[in-house]
Amino acid sequence: MINRKLIRIKTVQVIYSYCLNEGRVFSDSQAAGKGEFKEVCRPELVENNLLRSLGTAYDLYNTMLTLMVEISRLALRSYEAQLNRSKRLGLPEPSRKLIDNRFMLQLEGNRQLQENRQNQRIDWSNEEEFVRSIYNKVMDSDLYREYMDTNVSTYEEDREFWRKVYRHIIIDNDSIDSMLEDFNLYWNDDRFIIDTFVLKTINRFKEDSTDEHPLLPEFRNEEELEFARKLVRQSVMGAEYYRSLIAESTRNWDVERVPVMDRVIMQVALAEITSFPTIPLSVSINEYIEIAKSYSTPNSGRYINATLDNISKKLIAEHKLTKSN
């Protein structure tokens, strides 16, 4: 599930935190506010922090899946209350369509999700008031009214209903964002990627899916895990070299005036550019420009693009950088 885009973002975040809090001691110029560092190299610490941070992103994936399950469980409790009332008053029984939704029954019974939810930070069953607020939005939506227009539906319609609920009611929901932020400050940064994985997971369910149906794994394969480990270690171990390249490329600009985040982004970018010959140069540069747009200043993208381009051309001319494609 965890892809290289998320790995790059998380690596930048942990290196930035490492720079500010754990891995370095301030030099005299830093004390004077000039922003230079002396590094105490602890790559194993940063690697552990990265893997832990990626693990919390996978936790968010499971948390968002179980939110839908808890909404459905609340729907069942509401149905049972309505059924008792109807029997007591001699009224027609309420429709079972929502609580018999076949996709949701599959998701709720999924063994992998049941195992994963034991390690989640949020137990939605303890947040009934909050879940009820989301449930009420579902009940008040046109999606629900359209879905309930008939008493029967195909499996695809059942699955599509919950896909639309997730896409239109759960994504970009300010109350959910606030709830998640209380548990993990970085979860809202992760949402835009994790939400795509949740939607992909919904689409992967089929009518004949059993309770053994696999959810997305934390890492797609060992190669992705190795990419994460190597990227963060090279970022730390080669930090002085990468900073010297940046300083040489900014002779007409005081490097101490460059935001720390920009320097960290370029440090990680150079670790990737110089350590992964099979990743095209343009791919690496473009990925870190996008990170800069989200996490640094409005002008950072242009500056980082120009600096990385100049450094790469210099390394290629000196035969210090070779790309296999």
C-alpha atoms as a PDB file:
ATOM      1  CA  MET A   1       0.000   0.000   0.000  1.00  0.00           C
ATOM      2  CA  ILE A   2       2.692   2.469   1.002  1.00  0.00           C
ATOM      3  CA  ASN A   3       4.095   3.905  -2.218  1.00  0.00           C
ATOM      4  CA  ARG A   4       7.211   5.880  -3.017  1.00  0.00           C
ATOM      5  CA  LYS A   5       5.413   9.210  -2.951  1.00  0.00           C
ATOM      6  CA  LEU A   6       4.466   8.643   0.681  1.00  0.00           C
ATOM      7  CA  ILE A   7       7.937   7.284   1.485  1.00  0.00           C
ATOM      8  CA  ARG A   8       9.538  10.455   0.100  1.00  0.00           C
ATOM      9  CA  ILE A   9       7.209  12.703   2.104  1.00  0.00           C
ATOM     10  CA  LYS A  10       7.766  10.751   5.318  1.00  0.00           C
ATOM     11  CA  THR A  11      11.539  10.737   4.790  1.00  0.00           C
ATOM     12  CA  VAL A  12      11.570  14.523   4.424  1.00  0.00           C
ATOM     13  CA  GLN A  13       9.465  14.838   7.582  1.00  0.00           C
ATOM     14  CA  VAL A  14      11.668  12.602   9.741  1.00  0.00           C
ATOM     15  CA  ILE A  15      14.909  14.158   8.442  1.00  0.00           C
ATOM     16  CA  TYR A  16      13.522  17.625   9.179  1.00  0.00           C
ATOM     17  CA  SER A  17      12.533  16.560  12.690  1.00  0.00           C
ATOM     18  CA  TYR A  18      15.938  14.925  13.137  1.00  0.00           C
ATOM     19  CA  CYS A  19      17.700  18.127  12.090  1.00  0.00           C
ATOM     20  CA  LEU A  20      15.755  20.247  14.535  1.00  0.00           C
ATOM     21  CA  ASN A  21      15.412  17.963  17.523  1.00  0.00           C
ATOM     22  CA  GLU A  22      17.590  14.885  17.746  1.00  0.00           C
ATOM     23  CA  GLY A  23      20.511  14.362  15.433  1.00  0.00           C
ATOM     24  CA  ARG A  24      22.547  17.563  15.564  1.00  0.00           C
ATOM     25  CA  VAL A  25      24.145  20.034  17.913  1.00  0.00           C
ATOM     26  CA  PHE A  26      24.055  23.742  17.172  1.00  0.00           C
ATOM     27  CA  SER A  27      27.141  25.493  15.910  1.00  0.00           C
ATOM     28  CA  ASP A  28      27.967  29.081  16.888  1.00  0.00           C
ATOM     29  CA  SER A  29      26.350  30.371  13.712  1.00  0.00           C
ATOM     30  CA  GLN A  30      23.176  28.435  14.544  1.00  0.00           C
ATOM     31  CA  ALA A  31      23.088  30.065  17.965  1.00  0.00           C
ATOM     32  CA  ALA A  32      23.386  33.391  16.189  1.00  0.00           C
ATOM     33  CA  GLY A  33      20.342  32.466  14.092  1.00  0.00           C
ATOM     34  CA  LYS A  34      22.224  31.700  10.877  1.00  0.00           C
ATOM     35  CA  GLY A  35      20.975  28.147  10.548  1.00  0.00           C
ATOM     36  CA  GLU A  36      24.105  25.963  10.247  1.00  0.00           C
ATOM     37  CA  PHE A  37      24.356  22.501  11.799  1.00  0.00           C
ATOM     38  CA  LYS A  38      27.004  20.111  13.034  1.00  0.00           C
ATOM     39  CA  GLU A  39      25.723  16.581  12.639  1.00  0.00           C
ATOM     40  CA  VAL A  40      25.793  13.663  15.040  1.00  0.00           C
ATOM     41  CA  CYS A  41      25.128  10.820  12.576  1.00  0.00           C
ATOM     42  CA  ARG A  42      22.542   8.331  13.861  1.00  0.00           C
ATOM     43  CA  PRO A  43      21.075   6.682  10.742  1.00  0.00           C
ATOM     44  CA  GLU A  44      19.556   3.758  12.649  1.00  0.00           C
ATOM     45  CA  LEU A  45      17.527   6.176  14.785  1.00  0.00           C
ATOM     46  CA  VAL A  46      16.156   7.993  11.753  1.00  0.00           C
ATOM     47  CA  GLU A  47      15.397   4.736   9.948  1.00  0.00           C
ATOM     48  CA  ASN A  48      13.397   3.499  12.936  1.00  0.00           C
ATOM     49  CA  ASN A  49      11.524   6.800  13.066  1.00  0.00           C
ATOM     50  CA  LEU A  50      10.709   6.523   9.353  1.00  0.00           C
ATOM     51  CA  LEU A  51       9.391   2.970   9.629  1.00  0.00           C
ATOM     52  CA  ARG A  52       7.328   3.963  12.663  1.00  0.00           C
ATOM     53  CA  SER A  53       5.910   6.950  10.762  1.00  0.00           C
ATOM     54  CA  LEU A  54       5.034   4.771   7.767  1.00  0.00           C
ATOM     55  CA  GLY A  55       3.379   2.339  10.168  1.00  0.00           C
ATOM     56  CA  THR A  56       1.100   5.085  11.467  1.00  0.00           C
ATOM     57  CA  ALA A  57       0.074   5.827   7.876  1.00  0.00           C
ATOM     58  CA  TYR A  58      -0.995   2.188   7.496  1.00  0.00           C
ATOM     59  CA  ASP A  59      -2.827   2.519  10.796  1.00  0.00           C
ATOM     60  CA  LEU A  60      -4.739   5.439   9.271  1.00  0.00           C
ATOM     61  CA  TYR A  61      -5.718   3.236   6.306  1.00  0.00           C
ATOM     62  CA  ASN A  62      -7.271   0.674   8.639  1.00  0.00           C
ATOM     63  CA  THR A  63      -8.832   3.413  10.769  1.00  0.00           C
ATOM     64  CA  MET A  64     -10.680   4.873   7.784  1.00  0.00           C
ATOM     65  CA  LEU A  65     -11.954   1.453   6.725  1.00  0.00           C
ATOM     66  CA  THR A  66     -13.264   0.720  10.211  1.00  0.00           C
ATOM     67  CA  LEU A  67     -14.992   4.110  10.336  1.00  0.00           C
ATOM     68  CA  MET A  68     -17.315   2.874   7.583  1.00  0.00           C
ATOM     69  CA  VAL A  69     -17.883  -0.338   9.521  1.00  0.00           C
ATOM     70  CA  GLU A  70     -18.823   1.619  12.653  1.00  0.00           C
ATOM     71  CA  ILE A  71     -21.232   3.814  10.692  1.00  0.00           C
ATOM     72  CA  SER A  72     -22.893   0.623   9.447  1.00  0.00           C
ATOM     73  CA  ARG A  73     -23.093  -0.786  12.987  1.00  0.00           C
ATOM     74  CA  LEU A  74     -24.819   2.379  14.111  1.00  0.00           C
ATOM     75  CA  ALA A  75     -27.230   1.951  11.211  1.00  0.00           C
ATOM     76  CA  LEU A  76     -28.012  -1.559  12.513  1.00  0.00           C
ATOM     77  CA  ARG A  77     -28.730  -0.242  16.009  1.00  0.00           C
ATOM     78  CA  SER A  78     -30.995   2.439  14.536  1.00  0.00           C
ATOM     79  CA  TYR A  79     -32.790  -0.170  12.449  1.00  0.00           C
ATOM     80  CA  GLU A  80     -33.393  -2.347  15.517  1.00  0.00           C
ATOM     81  CA  ALA A  81     -34.844   0.631  17.398  1.00  0.00           C
ATOM     82  CA  GLN A  82     -37.112   1.453  14.452  1.00  0.00           C
ATOM     83  CA  LEU A  83     -38.174  -2.193  14.162  1.00  0.00           C
ATOM     84  CA  ASN A  84     -39.168  -2.353  17.826  1.00  0.00           C
ATOM     85  CA  ARG A  85     -41.127   0.870  17.453  1.00  0.00           C
ATOM     86  CA  SER A  86     -42.876  -0.394  14.317  1.00  0.00           C
ATOM     87  CA  LYS A  87     -43.892  -3.627  16.058  1.00  0.00           C
ATOM     88  CA  ARG A  88     -45.130  -1.739  19.060  1.00  0.00           C
ATOM     89  CA  LEU A  89     -47.244   0.619  16.944  1.00  0.00           C
ATOM     90  CA  GLY A  90     -48.279  -1.930  14.355  1.00  0.00           C
ATOM     91  CA  LEU A  91     -46.463  -0.099  11.564  1.00  0.00           C
ATOM     92  CA  PRO A  92     -44.747  -1.652   8.505  1.00  0.00           C
ATOM     93  CA  GLU A  93     -41.264  -2.927   9.214  1.00  0.00           C
ATOM     94  CA  PRO A  94     -38.426  -0.586   8.107  1.00  0.00           C
ATOM     95  CA  SER A  95     -36.298  -1.499   5.105  1.00  0.00           C
ATOM     96  CA  ARG A  96     -33.320  -3.774   5.728  1.00  0.00           C
ATOM     97  CA  LYS A  97     -31.543  -2.629   2.572  1.00  0.00           C
ATOM     98  CA  LEU A  98     -28.797  -0.637   4.250  1.00  0.00           C
ATOM     99  CA  ILE A  99     -28.019  -3.151   6.987  1.00  0.00           C
ATOM    100  CA  ASP A 100     -28.025  -6.006   4.465  1.00  0.00           C
ATOM    101  CA  ASN A 101     -25.595  -4.171   2.182  1.00  0.00           C
ATOM    102  CA  ARG A 102     -23.432  -7.011   0.882  1.00  0.00           C
ATOM    103  CA  PHE A 103     -20.232  -5.049   0.487  1.00  0.00           C
ATOM    104  CA  MET A 104     -20.407  -3.763   4.053  1.00  0.00           C
ATOM    105  CA  LEU A 105     -21.090  -7.242   5.407  1.00  0.00           C
ATOM    106  CA  GLN A 106     -17.922  -8.382   3.628  1.00  0.00           C
ATOM    107  CA  LEU A 107     -15.867  -5.507   5.016  1.00  0.00           C
ATOM    108  CA  GLU A 108     -17.120  -5.966   8.558  1.00  0.00           C
ATOM    109  CA  GLY A 109     -16.351  -9.685   8.428  1.00  0.00           C
ATOM    110  CA  ASN A 110     -12.918  -9.280   6.854  1.00  0.00           C
ATOM    111  CA  ARG A 111     -10.421 -11.132   9.041  1.00  0.00           C
ATOM    112  CA  GLN A 112      -7.446  -8.954   8.156  1.00  0.00           C
ATOM    113  CA  LEU A 113      -9.330  -5.801   9.098  1.00  0.00           C
ATOM    114  CA  GLN A 114     -10.464  -7.396  12.371  1.00  0.00           C
ATOM    115  CA  GLU A 115      -6.842  -8.216  13.207  1.00  0.00           C
ATOM    116  CA  ASN A 116      -5.534  -4.817  12.170  1.00  0.00           C
ATOM    117  CA  ARG A 117      -8.096  -2.859  14.178  1.00  0.00           C
ATOM    118  CA  GLN A 118      -6.667  -4.272  17.406  1.00  0.00           C
ATOM    119  CA  ASN A 119      -3.638  -2.005  16.919  1.00  0.00           C
ATOM    120  CA  GLN A 120      -5.534   1.136  15.922  1.00  0.00           C
ATOM    121  CA  ARG A 121      -5.194   4.357  17.865  1.00  0.00           C
ATOM    122  CA  ILE A 122      -8.875   5.176  17.456  1.00  0.00           C
ATOM    123  CA  ASP A 123     -11.535   2.736  18.591  1.00  0.00           C
ATOM    124  CA  TRP A 124     -14.577   4.162  16.838  1.00  0.00           C
ATOM    125  CA  SER A 125     -16.878   2.194  19.130  1.00  0.00           C
ATOM    126  CA  ASN A 126     -15.765   4.571  21.901  1.00  0.00           C
ATOM    127  CA  GLU A 127     -16.619   7.609  19.751  1.00  0.00           C
ATOM    128  CA  GLU A 128     -20.344   6.991  19.240  1.00  0.00           C
ATOM    129  CA  GLU A 129     -21.359  10.642  19.380  1.00  0.00           C
ATOM    130  CA  PHE A 130     -18.834  11.523  16.688  1.00  0.00           C
ATOM    131  CA  VAL A 131     -19.732   8.518  14.514  1.00  0.00           C
ATOM    132  CA  ARG A 132     -23.404   9.425  14.878  1.00  0.00           C
ATOM    133  CA  SER A 133     -22.699  12.879  13.437  1.00  0.00           C
ATOM    134  CA  ILE A 134     -21.217  11.233  10.329  1.00  0.00           C
ATOM    135  CA  TYR A 135     -24.073   8.705  10.232  1.00  0.00           C
ATOM    136  CA  ASN A 136     -26.605  11.556  10.286  1.00  0.00           C
ATOM    137  CA  LYS A 137     -24.873  13.173   7.314  1.00  0.00           C
ATOM    138  CA  VAL A 138     -25.184   9.912   5.429  1.00  0.00           C
ATOM    139  CA  MET A 139     -28.886   9.599   6.330  1.00  0.00           C
ATOM    140  CA  ASP A 140     -29.533  13.198   5.230  1.00  0.00           C
ATOM    141  CA  SER A 141     -27.714  12.828   1.921  1.00  0.00           C
ATOM    142  CA  ASP A 142     -29.084  12.444  -1.584  1.00  0.00           C
ATOM    143  CA  LEU A 143     -26.823   9.393  -1.877  1.00  0.00           C
ATOM    144  CA  TYR A 144     -28.827   7.614   0.798  1.00  0.00           C
ATOM    145  CA  ARG A 145     -32.198   8.648  -0.628  1.00  0.00           C
ATOM    146  CA  GLU A 146     -31.229   7.476  -4.116  1.00  0.00           C
ATOM    147  CA  TYR A 147     -29.890   4.191  -2.759  1.00  0.00           C
ATOM    148  CA  MET A 148     -33.055   3.513  -0.739  1.00  0.00           C
ATOM    149  CA  ASP A 149     -35.433   4.318  -3.611  1.00  0.00           C
ATOM    150  CA  THR A 150     -35.828   0.602  -4.318  1.00  0.00           C
ATOM    151  CA  ASN A 151     -35.916  -2.404  -1.986  1.00  0.00           C
ATOM    152  CA  VAL A 152     -33.414  -4.403  -4.020  1.00  0.00           C
ATOM    153  CA  SER A 153     -29.970  -3.723  -5.431  1.00  0.00           C
ATOM    154  CA  THR A 154     -27.131  -5.473  -7.190  1.00  0.00           C
ATOM    155  CA  TYR A 155     -23.854  -6.165  -5.429  1.00  0.00           C
ATOM    156  CA  GLU A 156     -22.221  -3.436  -7.534  1.00  0.00           C
ATOM    157  CA  GLU A 157     -24.833  -0.926  -6.340  1.00  0.00           C
ATOM    158  CA  ASP A 158     -24.205  -1.937  -2.720  1.00  0.00           C
ATOM    159  CA  ARG A 159     -20.469  -1.422  -3.130  1.00  0.00           C
ATOM    160  CA  GLU A 160     -20.903   1.787  -5.092  1.00  0.00           C
ATOM    161  CA  PHE A 161     -23.076   3.276  -2.356  1.00  0.00           C
ATOM    162  CA  TRP A 162     -20.259   2.999   0.198  1.00  0.00           C
ATOM    163  CA  ARG A 163     -17.669   4.173  -2.304  1.00  0.00           C
ATOM    164  CA  LYS A 164     -19.725   7.325  -2.849  1.00  0.00           C
ATOM    165  CA  VAL A 165     -20.254   7.780   0.890  1.00  0.00           C
ATOM    166  CA  TYR A 166     -16.523   7.655   1.418  1.00  0.00           C
ATOM    167  CA  ARG A 167     -15.743   9.934  -1.486  1.00  0.00           C
ATOM    168  CA  HIS A 168     -18.413  12.573  -0.895  1.00  0.00           C
ATOM    169  CA  ILE A 169     -19.010  12.509   2.864  1.00  0.00           C
ATOM    170  CA  ILE A 170     -15.862  11.182   4.546  1.00  0.00           C
ATOM    171  CA  ILE A 171     -13.185  12.768   2.365  1.00  0.00           C
ATOM    172  CA  ASP A 172     -12.708  16.515   2.997  1.00  0.00           C
ATOM    173  CA  ASN A 173     -14.760  16.333   6.178  1.00  0.00           C
ATOM    174  CA  ASP A 174     -13.549  18.984   8.622  1.00  0.00           C
ATOM    175  CA  SER A 175     -14.855  17.184  11.698  1.00  0.00           C
ATOM    176  CA  ILE A 176     -13.005  14.009  10.724  1.00  0.00           C
ATOM    177  CA  ASP A 177      -9.846  16.020  10.071  1.00  0.00           C
ATOM    178  CA  SER A 178     -10.068  17.511  13.563  1.00  0.00           C
ATOM    179  CA  MET A 179     -10.620  14.117  15.144  1.00  0.00           C
ATOM    180  CA  LEU A 180      -7.644  12.589  13.333  1.00  0.00           C
ATOM    181  CA  GLU A 181      -5.378  15.505  14.209  1.00  0.00           C
ATOM    182  CA  ASP A 182      -6.047  14.901  17.895  1.00  0.00           C
ATOM    183  CA  PHE A 183      -4.560  11.419  17.545  1.00  0.00           C
ATOM    184  CA  ASN A 184      -1.718  12.101  15.105  1.00  0.00           C
ATOM    185  CA  LEU A 185      -0.524  15.471  13.811  1.00  0.00           C
ATOM    186  CA  TYR A 186       0.613  13.996  10.503  1.00  0.00           C
ATOM    187  CA  TRP A 187      -2.517  12.035   9.665  1.00  0.00           C
ATOM    188  CA  ASN A 188      -4.171  14.896   7.822  1.00  0.00           C
ATOM    189  CA  ASP A 189      -1.047  15.208   5.675  1.00  0.00           C
ATOM    190  CA  ASP A 190      -1.381  11.510   4.891  1.00  0.00           C
ATOM    191  CA  ARG A 191      -5.097  11.644   4.090  1.00  0.00           C
ATOM    192  CA  PHE A 192      -4.799  12.591   0.411  1.00  0.00           C
ATOM    193  CA  ILE A 193      -2.796   9.424  -0.285  1.00  0.00           C
ATOM    194  CA  ILE A 194      -4.558   7.101   2.164  1.00  0.00           C
ATOM    195  CA  ASP A 195      -7.995   8.080   0.829  1.00  0.00           C
ATOM    196  CA  THR A 196      -6.984   6.879  -2.636  1.00  0.00           C
ATOM    197  CA  PHE A 197      -5.964   3.526  -1.112  1.00  0.00           C
ATOM    198  CA  VAL A 198      -9.287   3.196   0.699  1.00  0.00           C
ATOM    199  CA  LEU A 199     -11.192   3.830  -2.535  1.00  0.00           C
ATOM    200  CA  LYS A 200      -8.959   1.327  -4.332  1.00  0.00           C
ATOM    201  CA  THR A 201      -9.674  -1.223  -1.591  1.00  0.00           C
ATOM    202  CA  ILE A 202     -13.432  -0.768  -1.974  1.00  0.00           C
ATOM    203  CA  ASN A 203     -13.162  -1.323  -5.723  1.00  0.00           C
ATOM    204  CA  ARG A 204     -11.146  -4.534  -5.233  1.00  0.00           C
ATOM    205  CA  PHE A 205     -13.998  -6.302  -3.428  1.00  0.00           C
ATOM    206  CA  LYS A 206     -16.083  -8.649  -5.572  1.00  0.00           C
ATOM    207  CA  GLU A 207     -19.414 -10.345  -4.992  1.00  0.00           C
ATOM    208  CA  ASP A 208     -17.685 -13.646  -4.224  1.00  0.00           C
ATOM    209  CA  SER A 209     -15.048 -12.144  -1.889  1.00  0.00           C
ATOM    210  CA  THR A 210     -14.742 -14.121   1.331  1.00  0.00           C
ATOM    211  CA  ASP A 211     -13.623 -13.083   4.801  1.00  0.00           C
ATOM    212  CA  GLU A 212     -10.078 -13.977   3.655  1.00  0.00           C
ATOM    213  CA  HIS A 213     -10.140 -11.287   0.952  1.00  0.00           C
ATOM    214  CA  PRO A 214      -6.779  -9.481   1.228  1.00  0.00           C
ATOM    215  CA  LEU A 215      -6.631  -5.805   2.050  1.00  0.00           C
ATOM    216  CA  LEU A 216      -3.701  -3.780   0.778  1.00  0.00           C
ATOM    217  CA  PRO A 217      -0.450  -4.784   2.540  1.00  0.00           C
ATOM    218  CA  GLU A 218       1.610  -2.171   4.385  1.00  0.00           C
ATOM    219  CA  PHE A 219       4.362  -2.469   1.758  1.00  0.00           C
ATOM    220  CA  ARG A 220       3.613  -3.727  -1.741  1.00  0.00           C
ATOM    221  CA  ASN A 221       6.860  -5.709  -1.775  1.00  0.00           C
ATOM    222  CA  GLU A 222      10.334  -5.895  -0.235  1.00  0.00           C
ATOM    223  CA  GLU A 223      11.655  -3.525  -2.887  1.00  0.00           C
ATOM    224  CA  GLU A 224       9.539  -0.660  -1.534  1.00  0.00           C
ATOM    225  CA  LEU A 225      10.680  -1.354   2.017  1.00  0.00           C
ATOM    226  CA  GLU A 226      14.308  -1.418   0.894  1.00  0.00           C
ATOM    227  CA  PHE A 227      13.772   1.873  -0.973  1.00  0.00           C
ATOM    228  CA  ALA A 228      12.562   3.478   2.259  1.00  0.00           C
ATOM    229  CA  ARG A 229      15.470   2.153   4.319  1.00  0.00           C
ATOM    230  CA  LYS A 230      18.134   3.081   1.802  1.00  0.00           C
ATOM    231  CA  LEU A 231      16.718   6.540   1.098  1.00  0.00           C
ATOM    232  CA  VAL A 232      16.619   7.594   4.743  1.00  0.00           C
ATOM    233  CA  ARG A 233      20.039   6.123   5.575  1.00  0.00           C
ATOM    234  CA  GLN A 234      21.720   7.764   2.575  1.00  0.00           C
ATOM    235  CA  SER A 235      20.026  11.056   3.445  1.00  0.00           C
ATOM    236  CA  VAL A 236      21.634  10.982   6.893  1.00  0.00           C
ATOM    237  CA  MET A 237      25.004   9.422   6.106  1.00  0.00           C
ATOM    238  CA  GLY A 238      25.631  11.630   3.058  1.00  0.00           C
ATOM    239  CA  ALA A 239      24.268  14.801   4.623  1.00  0.00           C
ATOM    240  CA  GLU A 240      27.569  16.727   4.663  1.00  0.00           C
ATOM    241  CA  TYR A 241      28.284  15.837   1.029  1.00  0.00           C
ATOM    242  CA  TYR A 242      24.817  16.855  -0.118  1.00  0.00           C
ATOM    243  CA  ARG A 243      24.990  20.134   1.789  1.00  0.00           C
ATOM    244  CA  SER A 244      28.373  20.879   0.210  1.00  0.00           C
ATOM    245  CA  LEU A 245      26.830  20.356  -3.235  1.00  0.00           C
ATOM    246  CA  ILE A 246      23.998  22.719  -2.343  1.00  0.00           C
ATOM    247  CA  ALA A 247      26.418  25.337  -1.001  1.00  0.00           C
ATOM    248  CA  GLU A 248      28.545  25.171  -4.181  1.00  0.00           C
ATOM    249  CA  SER A 249      25.456  25.591  -6.320  1.00  0.00           C
ATOM    250  CA  THR A 250      24.289  28.681  -4.413  1.00  0.00           C
ATOM    251  CA  ARG A 251      27.459  30.794  -4.446  1.00  0.00           C
ATOM    252  CA  ASN A 252      25.479  33.843  -5.543  1.00  0.00           C
ATOM    253  CA  TRP A 253      22.987  33.295  -2.739  1.00  0.00           C
ATOM    254  CA  ASP A 254      23.700  33.032   0.958  1.00  0.00           C
ATOM    255  CA  VAL A 255      22.844  29.401   1.697  1.00  0.00           C
ATOM    256  CA  GLU A 256      22.149  30.307   5.317  1.00  0.00           C
ATOM    257  CA  ARG A 257      19.114  32.242   4.096  1.00  0.00           C
ATOM    258  CA  VAL A 258      17.627  29.153   2.455  1.00  0.00           C
ATOM    259  CA  PRO A 259      14.790  27.751   4.609  1.00  0.00           C
ATOM    260  CA  VAL A 260      15.751  24.650   6.557  1.00  0.00           C
ATOM    261  CA  MET A 261      12.897  22.719   4.946  1.00  0.00           C
ATOM    262  CA  ASP A 262      14.241  23.523   1.476  1.00  0.00           C
ATOM    263  CA  ARG A 263      17.677  22.272   2.462  1.00  0.00           C
ATOM    264  CA  VAL A 264      16.178  19.083   3.870  1.00  0.00           C
ATOM    265  CA  ILE A 265      14.117  18.487   0.716  1.00  0.00           C
ATOM    266  CA  MET A 266      17.217  18.921  -1.452  1.00  0.00           C
ATOM    267  CA  GLN A 267      19.254  16.715   0.880  1.00  0.00           C
ATOM    268  CA  VAL A 268      16.763  13.851   0.508  1.00  0.00           C
ATOM    269  CA  ALA A 269      16.398  14.507  -3.232  1.00  0.00           C
ATOM    270  CA  LEU A 270      20.160  14.301  -3.747  1.00  0.00           C
ATOM    271  CA  ALA A 271      20.278  11.081  -1.730  1.00  0.00           C
ATOM    272  CA  GLU A 272      17.761   9.600  -4.162  1.00  0.00           C
ATOM    273  CA  ILE A 273      19.388  11.046  -7.278  1.00  0.00           C
ATOM    274  CA  THR A 274      22.835   9.714  -6.385  1.00  0.00           C
ATOM    275  CA  SER A 275      21.810   6.391  -4.819  1.00  0.00           C
ATOM    276  CA  PHE A 276      19.148   5.016  -7.178  1.00  0.00           C
ATOM    277  CA  PRO A 277      20.511   4.846 -10.743  1.00  0.00           C
ATOM    278  CA  THR A 278      17.352   3.226 -12.147  1.00  0.00           C
ATOM    279  CA  ILE A 279      15.053   6.090 -11.105  1.00  0.00           C
ATOM    280  CA  PRO A 280      14.968   8.710 -13.894  1.00  0.00           C
ATOM    281  CA  LEU A 281      16.427  12.058 -12.904  1.00  0.00           C
ATOM    282  CA  SER A 282      13.315  13.957 -13.982  1.00  0.00           C
ATOM    283  CA  VAL A 283      11.095  11.736 -11.825  1.00  0.00           C
ATOM    284  CA  SER A 284      13.140  12.397  -8.690  1.00  0.00           C
ATOM    285  CA  ILE A 285      13.347  16.152  -9.234  1.00  0.00           C
ATOM    286  CA  ASN A 286       9.629  16.486  -9.998  1.00  0.00           C
ATOM    287  CA  GLU A 287       8.650  14.474  -6.910  1.00  0.00           C
ATOM    288  CA  TYR A 288      10.590  16.768  -4.587  1.00  0.00           C
ATOM    289  CA  ILE A 289       9.333  19.905  -6.302  1.00  0.00           C
ATOM    290  CA  GLU A 290       5.809  18.706  -5.469  1.00  0.00           C
ATOM    291  CA  ILE A 291       6.817  18.108  -1.845  1.00  0.00           C
ATOM    292  CA  ALA A 292       8.223  21.644  -1.688  1.00  0.00           C
ATOM    293  CA  LYS A 293       4.940  23.092  -2.946  1.00  0.00           C
ATOM    294  CA  SER A 294       3.088  21.442  -0.062  1.00  0.00           C
ATOM    295  CA  TYR A 295       5.591  21.805   2.770  1.00  0.00           C
ATOM    296  CA  SER A 296       7.692  24.899   2.109  1.00  0.00           C
ATOM    297  CA  THR A 297       7.429  28.456   0.764  1.00  0.00           C
ATOM    298  CA  PRO A 298       5.624  29.518  -2.450  1.00  0.00           C
ATOM    299  CA  ASN A 299       8.954  30.104  -4.214  1.00  0.00           C
ATOM    300  CA  SER A 300      10.639  26.928  -3.010  1.00  0.00           C
ATOM    301  CA  GLY A 301       9.622  24.788  -5.967  1.00  0.00           C
ATOM    302  CA  ARG A 302      11.394  26.987  -8.493  1.00  0.00           C
ATOM    303  CA  TYR A 303      14.496  27.344  -6.349  1.00  0.00           C
ATOM    304  CA  ILE A 304      14.763  23.607  -5.634  1.00  0.00           C
ATOM    305  CA  ASN A 305      14.183  22.778  -9.309  1.00  0.00           C
ATOM    306  CA  ALA A 306      17.002  25.084 -10.443  1.00  0.00           C
ATOM    307  CA  THR A 307      19.414  23.966  -7.726  1.00  0.00           C
ATOM    308  CA  LEU A 308      18.893  20.234  -8.260  1.00  0.00           C
ATOM    309  CA  ASP A 309      19.133  20.687 -12.023  1.00  0.00           C
ATOM    310  CA  ASN A 310      22.445  22.564 -11.712  1.00  0.00           C
ATOM    311  CA  ILE A 311      23.897  20.010  -9.301  1.00  0.00           C
ATOM    312  CA  SER A 312      22.825  17.079 -11.476  1.00  0.00           C
ATOM    313  CA  LYS A 313      24.343  18.593 -14.619  1.00  0.00           C
ATOM    314  CA  LYS A 314      27.599  19.217 -12.734  1.00  0.00           C
ATOM    315  CA  LEU A 315      27.743  15.643 -11.401  1.00  0.00           C
ATOM    316  CA  ILE A 316      26.988  14.204 -14.857  1.00  0.00           C
ATOM    317  CA  ALA A 317      29.704  16.370 -16.452  1.00  0.00           C
ATOM    318  CA  GLU A 318      32.178  15.157 -13.819  1.00  0.00           C
ATOM    319  CA  HIS A 319      31.111  11.531 -14.432  1.00  0.00           C
ATOM    320  CA  LYS A 320      29.953  11.264 -10.821  1.00  0.00           C
ATOM    321  CA  LEU A 321      26.322  10.557 -11.716  1.00  0.00           C
ATOM    322  CA  THR A 322      25.089   7.870 -14.082  1.00  0.00           C
ATOM    323  CA  LYS A 323      21.494   6.978 -14.824  1.00  0.00           C
ATOM    324  CA  SER A 324      20.632   3.665 -16.431  1.00  0.00           C
ATOM    325  CA  ASN A 325      17.528   5.035 -18.175  1.00  0.00           C
END
